[in-house]
Structures are given as structure tokens and as C-alpha cells.
Amino acid sequence: MPYTDDGIAVGAFHALKKNIVVSCSAGNSGPAPSTLSNLAPWIITVGASTLDRAFVAPVELGNGKKIPGVAVTPHNLEKKMYPLVHAAQIVNPNVPKNETMLRLPGSLSPKAKGKIVFCLRGAGSRIEKDLEVKRAGGIGIITGNNKEIGDELYPDPHFIPGTGVT
């Protein structure tokens, strides 16, 4: 993207003209080529390569199996078993199942009520997805990776109780 079309680059340039130093995040889209953000030469771009913490949020299934998960959320459910439903099983009529797995707005039916909904990571923001589960009456979410994402896990903050698994 040309610097003239990048709002952060333009704003940072105006700040620089007033002797204000601008520091920005390198982004969270990697690791892959060309995934850095805020590359204008007048911006100090900062990225972290490691973090010495684990944000553990495992899932325990009814059969006792525990699946490792990660999340950063202030929302917790009571320590008891809850019904788990695959998002594709509670699709609204006329919504393609691939959209339901991504929890896009309006995709889930009220059959989510009182359940934890399993969905895939992908298109749309995490908050948008959390709000869709809540709108449909779901009480929590488990977000799984598709093949393209692989084993990568990010401890995402959630608007409702939730965790990410691979």
C-alpha cells in the first residue's frame, strides 16, 4: 500500500514534522513473508519474537479427554459440563455451512442456546464471531484451526467464555 493511502503513515508523518516520535506494532499476521505492518521509514516499528508466558485454557470433554487450548479472557463458566455443538449443526436456513463454521453475523440459529459452539478460525474478527455466538444464545466458544492455519495458536481475548484449539 502506498504511504499516501496508509492513514497511520500519514498521521505519523505529520507527527514527525512536529518532532513527535511515533512507535507502532509490527502486527500479528506472521510468520510469513510480507506480513509486517507500519513500515513507513519515519515510524519506529516494534515486534516481539517470544513471550515467556502460557495462557492455558484447556477444553475437557464429557469422556474425560482434555484438549490443550489457549485464551486470554476474563470470562469463565462454572466448572461443570456444558453441551457442545458443531456450528454446522445449528446453521440458519439459507446460510452456506462454510459461513456458519466461521460464525459470520446472522449465521447461527437459536439452537445454540445454552451451548458451547465449536467453530473455525478464519474470515471476520474474533469479536464479531463471539457476538454471533452470544446473539444465537450460545454461552461459550471453542475456535479450531483449519488446514491453512495449521498448529498455530494465539491466546485471543474473548467477549464470551472461549478458547482456541488446534
C-alpha atoms as a PDB file:
ATOM      1  CA  MET A   1       0.000   0.000   0.000  1.00  0.00           C
ATOM      2  CA  PRO A   2       1.412   3.417  -0.863  1.00  0.00           C
ATOM      3  CA  TYR A   3       2.231   5.559   2.157  1.00  0.00           C
ATOM      4  CA  THR A   4      -0.263   8.188   0.935  1.00  0.00           C
ATOM      5  CA  ASP A   5      -3.088   5.614   1.315  1.00  0.00           C
ATOM      6  CA  ASP A   6      -1.971   4.472   4.775  1.00  0.00           C
ATOM      7  CA  GLY A   7      -3.684   6.539   7.481  1.00  0.00           C
ATOM      8  CA  ILE A   8      -1.146   5.577  10.128  1.00  0.00           C
ATOM      9  CA  ALA A   9       1.794   6.501   7.875  1.00  0.00           C
ATOM     10  CA  VAL A  10       0.224   9.879   7.017  1.00  0.00           C
ATOM     11  CA  GLY A  11      -0.589  10.654  10.664  1.00  0.00           C
ATOM     12  CA  ALA A  12       2.876   9.578  11.788  1.00  0.00           C
ATOM     13  CA  PHE A  13       4.453  11.804   9.142  1.00  0.00           C
ATOM     14  CA  HIS A  14       2.524  14.839  10.428  1.00  0.00           C
ATOM     15  CA  ALA A  15       3.571  13.950  13.982  1.00  0.00           C
ATOM     16  CA  LEU A  16       7.206  13.700  12.862  1.00  0.00           C
ATOM     17  CA  LYS A  17       7.004  17.208  11.375  1.00  0.00           C
ATOM     18  CA  LYS A  18       6.123  18.387  14.920  1.00  0.00           C
ATOM     19  CA  ASN A  19       9.062  16.436  16.431  1.00  0.00           C
ATOM     20  CA  ILE A  20       6.825  13.686  17.820  1.00  0.00           C
ATOM     21  CA  VAL A  21       8.239  10.153  17.676  1.00  0.00           C
ATOM     22  CA  VAL A  22       5.725   7.503  16.585  1.00  0.00           C
ATOM     23  CA  SER A  23       6.120   3.849  17.554  1.00  0.00           C
ATOM     24  CA  CYS A  24       3.776   1.183  16.171  1.00  0.00           C
ATOM     25  CA  SER A  25       3.277  -2.568  16.373  1.00  0.00           C
ATOM     26  CA  ALA A  26       4.747  -4.720  13.625  1.00  0.00           C
ATOM     27  CA  GLY A  27       1.460  -6.684  13.602  1.00  0.00           C
ATOM     28  CA  ASN A  28       0.319 -10.255  14.264  1.00  0.00           C
ATOM     29  CA  SER A  29      -0.070 -11.682  10.765  1.00  0.00           C
ATOM     30  CA  GLY A  30       3.136 -13.751  10.539  1.00  0.00           C
ATOM     31  CA  PRO A  31       5.234 -15.727  10.423  1.00  0.00           C
ATOM     32  CA  ALA A  32       5.239 -15.358   6.659  1.00  0.00           C
ATOM     33  CA  PRO A  33       6.832 -13.037   4.102  1.00  0.00           C
ATOM     34  CA  SER A  34       5.351  -9.528   3.792  1.00  0.00           C
ATOM     35  CA  THR A  35       3.234  -9.693   6.950  1.00  0.00           C
ATOM     36  CA  LEU A  36       4.662  -6.689   8.807  1.00  0.00           C
ATOM     37  CA  SER A  37       2.569  -3.573   9.366  1.00  0.00           C
ATOM     38  CA  ASN A  38       3.604   0.071   9.775  1.00  0.00           C
ATOM     39  CA  LEU A  39       6.673   0.059   7.535  1.00  0.00           C
ATOM     40  CA  ALA A  40       6.985   3.787   6.789  1.00  0.00           C
ATOM     41  CA  PRO A  41      10.617   4.810   7.414  1.00  0.00           C
ATOM     42  CA  TRP A  42       9.575   7.583   9.829  1.00  0.00           C
ATOM     43  CA  ILE A  43       7.812   5.103  12.155  1.00  0.00           C
ATOM     44  CA  ILE A  44       9.620   3.052  14.788  1.00  0.00           C
ATOM     45  CA  THR A  45       8.149  -0.414  14.183  1.00  0.00           C
ATOM     46  CA  VAL A  46       8.355  -2.819  17.123  1.00  0.00           C
ATOM     47  CA  GLY A  47       7.762  -6.567  17.224  1.00  0.00           C
ATOM     48  CA  ALA A  48       8.154  -9.249  19.882  1.00  0.00           C
ATOM     49  CA  SER A  49       9.687 -12.565  18.945  1.00  0.00           C
ATOM     50  CA  THR A  50       8.959 -14.508  22.128  1.00  0.00           C
ATOM     51  CA  LEU A  51       6.843 -14.355  25.223  1.00  0.00           C
ATOM     52  CA  ASP A  52       7.731 -16.186  28.423  1.00  0.00           C
ATOM     53  CA  ARG A  53       4.116 -16.896  29.417  1.00  0.00           C
ATOM     54  CA  ALA A  54       1.494 -19.507  28.640  1.00  0.00           C
ATOM     55  CA  PHE A  55      -2.202 -18.625  28.533  1.00  0.00           C
ATOM     56  CA  VAL A  56      -3.622 -22.084  29.130  1.00  0.00           C
ATOM     57  CA  ALA A  57      -7.366 -22.592  28.592  1.00  0.00           C
ATOM     58  CA  PRO A  58      -7.946 -26.327  28.010  1.00  0.00           C
ATOM     59  CA  VAL A  59     -11.192 -27.992  26.981  1.00  0.00           C
ATOM     60  CA  GLU A  60     -12.405 -31.041  28.916  1.00  0.00           C
ATOM     61  CA  LEU A  61     -14.831 -33.257  27.028  1.00  0.00           C
ATOM     62  CA  GLY A  62     -17.563 -35.405  28.568  1.00  0.00           C
ATOM     63  CA  ASN A  63     -15.441 -38.537  28.081  1.00  0.00           C
ATOM     64  CA  GLY A  64     -12.685 -37.007  30.238  1.00  0.00           C
ATOM     65  CA  LYS A  65     -10.361 -36.217  27.336  1.00  0.00           C
ATOM     66  CA  LYS A  66      -8.553 -32.884  27.764  1.00  0.00           C
ATOM     67  CA  ILE A  67      -7.637 -30.844  24.688  1.00  0.00           C
ATOM     68  CA  PRO A  68      -4.983 -28.142  25.128  1.00  0.00           C
ATOM     69  CA  GLY A  69      -6.243 -24.658  24.357  1.00  0.00           C
ATOM     70  CA  VAL A  70      -5.206 -21.042  24.800  1.00  0.00           C
ATOM     71  CA  ALA A  71      -7.080 -17.818  25.542  1.00  0.00           C
ATOM     72  CA  VAL A  72      -6.924 -14.555  27.434  1.00  0.00           C
ATOM     73  CA  THR A  73     -10.391 -13.869  28.739  1.00  0.00           C
ATOM     74  CA  PRO A  74     -11.878 -12.589  31.986  1.00  0.00           C
ATOM     75  CA  HIS A  75     -14.995 -14.683  31.308  1.00  0.00           C
ATOM     76  CA  ASN A  76     -15.254 -18.131  32.894  1.00  0.00           C
ATOM     77  CA  LEU A  77     -18.023 -20.684  33.051  1.00  0.00           C
ATOM     78  CA  GLU A  78     -18.916 -22.645  36.183  1.00  0.00           C
ATOM     79  CA  LYS A  79     -16.832 -25.812  36.480  1.00  0.00           C
ATOM     80  CA  LYS A  80     -19.407 -28.241  35.085  1.00  0.00           C
ATOM     81  CA  MET A  81     -20.134 -29.920  31.770  1.00  0.00           C
ATOM     82  CA  TYR A  82     -21.995 -27.988  29.067  1.00  0.00           C
ATOM     83  CA  PRO A  83     -23.476 -29.206  25.790  1.00  0.00           C
ATOM     84  CA  LEU A  84     -21.100 -28.802  22.849  1.00  0.00           C
ATOM     85  CA  VAL A  85     -22.410 -28.230  19.329  1.00  0.00           C
ATOM     86  CA  HIS A  86     -20.653 -28.023  15.992  1.00  0.00           C
ATOM     87  CA  ALA A  87     -21.595 -24.731  14.301  1.00  0.00           C
ATOM     88  CA  ALA A  88     -22.540 -26.536  11.074  1.00  0.00           C
ATOM     89  CA  GLN A  89     -25.307 -28.343  13.017  1.00  0.00           C
ATOM     90  CA  ILE A  90     -27.045 -25.108  14.012  1.00  0.00           C
ATOM     91  CA  VAL A  91     -26.962 -23.178  10.765  1.00  0.00           C
ATOM     92  CA  ASN A  92     -29.747 -20.734   9.950  1.00  0.00           C
ATOM     93  CA  PRO A  93     -31.676 -21.697   6.795  1.00  0.00           C
ATOM     94  CA  ASN A  94     -30.157 -20.362   3.552  1.00  0.00           C
ATOM     95  CA  VAL A  95     -26.713 -19.806   5.117  1.00  0.00           C
ATOM     96  CA  PRO A  96     -23.894 -21.796   3.485  1.00  0.00           C
ATOM     97  CA  LYS A  97     -22.291 -24.180   6.000  1.00  0.00           C
ATOM     98  CA  ASN A  98     -18.842 -22.718   5.308  1.00  0.00           C
ATOM     99  CA  GLU A  99     -20.078 -19.335   6.607  1.00  0.00           C
ATOM    100  CA  THR A 100     -21.533 -20.977   9.711  1.00  0.00           C
ATOM    101  CA  MET A 101     -18.205 -22.573  10.565  1.00  0.00           C
ATOM    102  CA  LEU A 102     -16.704 -19.077  10.536  1.00  0.00           C
ATOM    103  CA  ARG A 103     -19.554 -17.668  12.709  1.00  0.00           C
ATOM    104  CA  LEU A 104     -20.359 -14.749  10.472  1.00  0.00           C
ATOM    105  CA  PRO A 105     -23.191 -12.406  11.549  1.00  0.00           C
ATOM    106  CA  GLY A 106     -26.637 -13.996  11.279  1.00  0.00           C
ATOM    107  CA  SER A 107     -25.265 -17.461  10.513  1.00  0.00           C
ATOM    108  CA  LEU A 108     -26.213 -19.334  13.704  1.00  0.00           C
ATOM    109  CA  SER A 109     -29.720 -20.390  14.747  1.00  0.00           C
ATOM    110  CA  PRO A 110     -31.208 -20.158  18.265  1.00  0.00           C
ATOM    111  CA  LYS A 111     -30.315 -23.864  18.671  1.00  0.00           C
ATOM    112  CA  ALA A 112     -27.046 -22.515  20.127  1.00  0.00           C
ATOM    113  CA  LYS A 113     -28.900 -21.518  23.309  1.00  0.00           C
ATOM    114  CA  GLY A 114     -27.105 -22.728  26.423  1.00  0.00           C
ATOM    115  CA  LYS A 115     -24.377 -24.488  24.444  1.00  0.00           C
ATOM    116  CA  ILE A 116     -20.695 -24.073  23.711  1.00  0.00           C
ATOM    117  CA  VAL A 117     -20.274 -23.657  19.949  1.00  0.00           C
ATOM    118  CA  PHE A 118     -17.306 -25.129  18.065  1.00  0.00           C
ATOM    119  CA  CYS A 119     -16.304 -23.062  15.013  1.00  0.00           C
ATOM    120  CA  LEU A 120     -13.290 -22.500  12.780  1.00  0.00           C
ATOM    121  CA  ARG A 121     -10.903 -19.569  12.748  1.00  0.00           C
ATOM    122  CA  GLY A 122     -10.917 -17.565   9.569  1.00  0.00           C
ATOM    123  CA  ALA A 123     -12.714 -14.621   7.996  1.00  0.00           C
ATOM    124  CA  GLY A 124     -14.200 -11.956  10.251  1.00  0.00           C
ATOM    125  CA  SER A 125     -12.997 -10.541  13.547  1.00  0.00           C
ATOM    126  CA  ARG A 126     -12.890 -12.547  16.754  1.00  0.00           C
ATOM    127  CA  ILE A 127     -15.260 -10.104  18.476  1.00  0.00           C
ATOM    128  CA  GLU A 128     -17.700 -10.378  15.558  1.00  0.00           C
ATOM    129  CA  LYS A 129     -17.624 -14.160  15.945  1.00  0.00           C
ATOM    130  CA  ASP A 130     -18.064 -14.033  19.725  1.00  0.00           C
ATOM    131  CA  LEU A 131     -21.031 -11.696  19.323  1.00  0.00           C
ATOM    132  CA  GLU A 132     -22.655 -14.055  16.797  1.00  0.00           C
ATOM    133  CA  VAL A 133     -22.453 -16.968  19.239  1.00  0.00           C
ATOM    134  CA  LYS A 134     -23.872 -14.751  22.000  1.00  0.00           C
ATOM    135  CA  ARG A 135     -26.628 -13.431  19.696  1.00  0.00           C
ATOM    136  CA  ALA A 136     -27.697 -17.009  18.964  1.00  0.00           C
ATOM    137  CA  GLY A 137     -27.817 -17.810  22.707  1.00  0.00           C
ATOM    138  CA  GLY A 138     -24.506 -19.664  22.989  1.00  0.00           C
ATOM    139  CA  ILE A 139     -22.668 -19.482  26.306  1.00  0.00           C
ATOM    140  CA  GLY A 140     -19.140 -20.059  25.042  1.00  0.00           C
ATOM    141  CA  ILE A 141     -16.981 -20.803  22.028  1.00  0.00           C
ATOM    142  CA  ILE A 142     -14.197 -23.130  21.017  1.00  0.00           C
ATOM    143  CA  THR A 143     -12.358 -21.933  17.947  1.00  0.00           C
ATOM    144  CA  GLY A 144     -10.428 -24.517  15.949  1.00  0.00           C
ATOM    145  CA  ASN A 145      -7.856 -24.149  13.215  1.00  0.00           C
ATOM    146  CA  ASN A 146      -8.404 -25.117   9.608  1.00  0.00           C
ATOM    147  CA  LYS A 147      -5.668 -26.747   7.481  1.00  0.00           C
ATOM    148  CA  GLU A 148      -4.326 -23.397   6.240  1.00  0.00           C
ATOM    149  CA  ILE A 149      -3.732 -22.143   9.781  1.00  0.00           C
ATOM    150  CA  GLY A 150      -2.201 -25.425  10.964  1.00  0.00           C
ATOM    151  CA  ASP A 151      -0.994 -25.753  14.557  1.00  0.00           C
ATOM    152  CA  GLU A 152      -0.640 -22.023  15.250  1.00  0.00           C
ATOM    153  CA  LEU A 153      -2.428 -20.897  18.414  1.00  0.00           C
ATOM    154  CA  TYR A 154      -2.883 -17.335  19.660  1.00  0.00           C
ATOM    155  CA  PRO A 155      -4.210 -16.601  23.153  1.00  0.00           C
ATOM    156  CA  ASP A 156      -7.014 -14.369  21.892  1.00  0.00           C
ATOM    157  CA  PRO A 157      -9.110 -12.342  24.314  1.00  0.00           C
ATOM    158  CA  HIS A 158     -12.790 -13.248  24.059  1.00  0.00           C
ATOM    159  CA  PHE A 159     -16.002 -11.322  24.621  1.00  0.00           C
ATOM    160  CA  ILE A 160     -17.630 -14.510  25.984  1.00  0.00           C
ATOM    161  CA  PRO A 161     -16.022 -17.590  27.583  1.00  0.00           C
ATOM    162  CA  GLY A 162     -13.842 -19.155  24.909  1.00  0.00           C
ATOM    163  CA  THR A 163     -10.648 -20.902  23.930  1.00  0.00           C
ATOM    164  CA  GLY A 164      -8.677 -21.715  20.793  1.00  0.00           C
ATOM    165  CA  VAL A 165      -7.591 -25.269  19.942  1.00  0.00           C
ATOM    166  CA  THR A 166      -5.682 -26.912  17.140  1.00  0.00           C
END
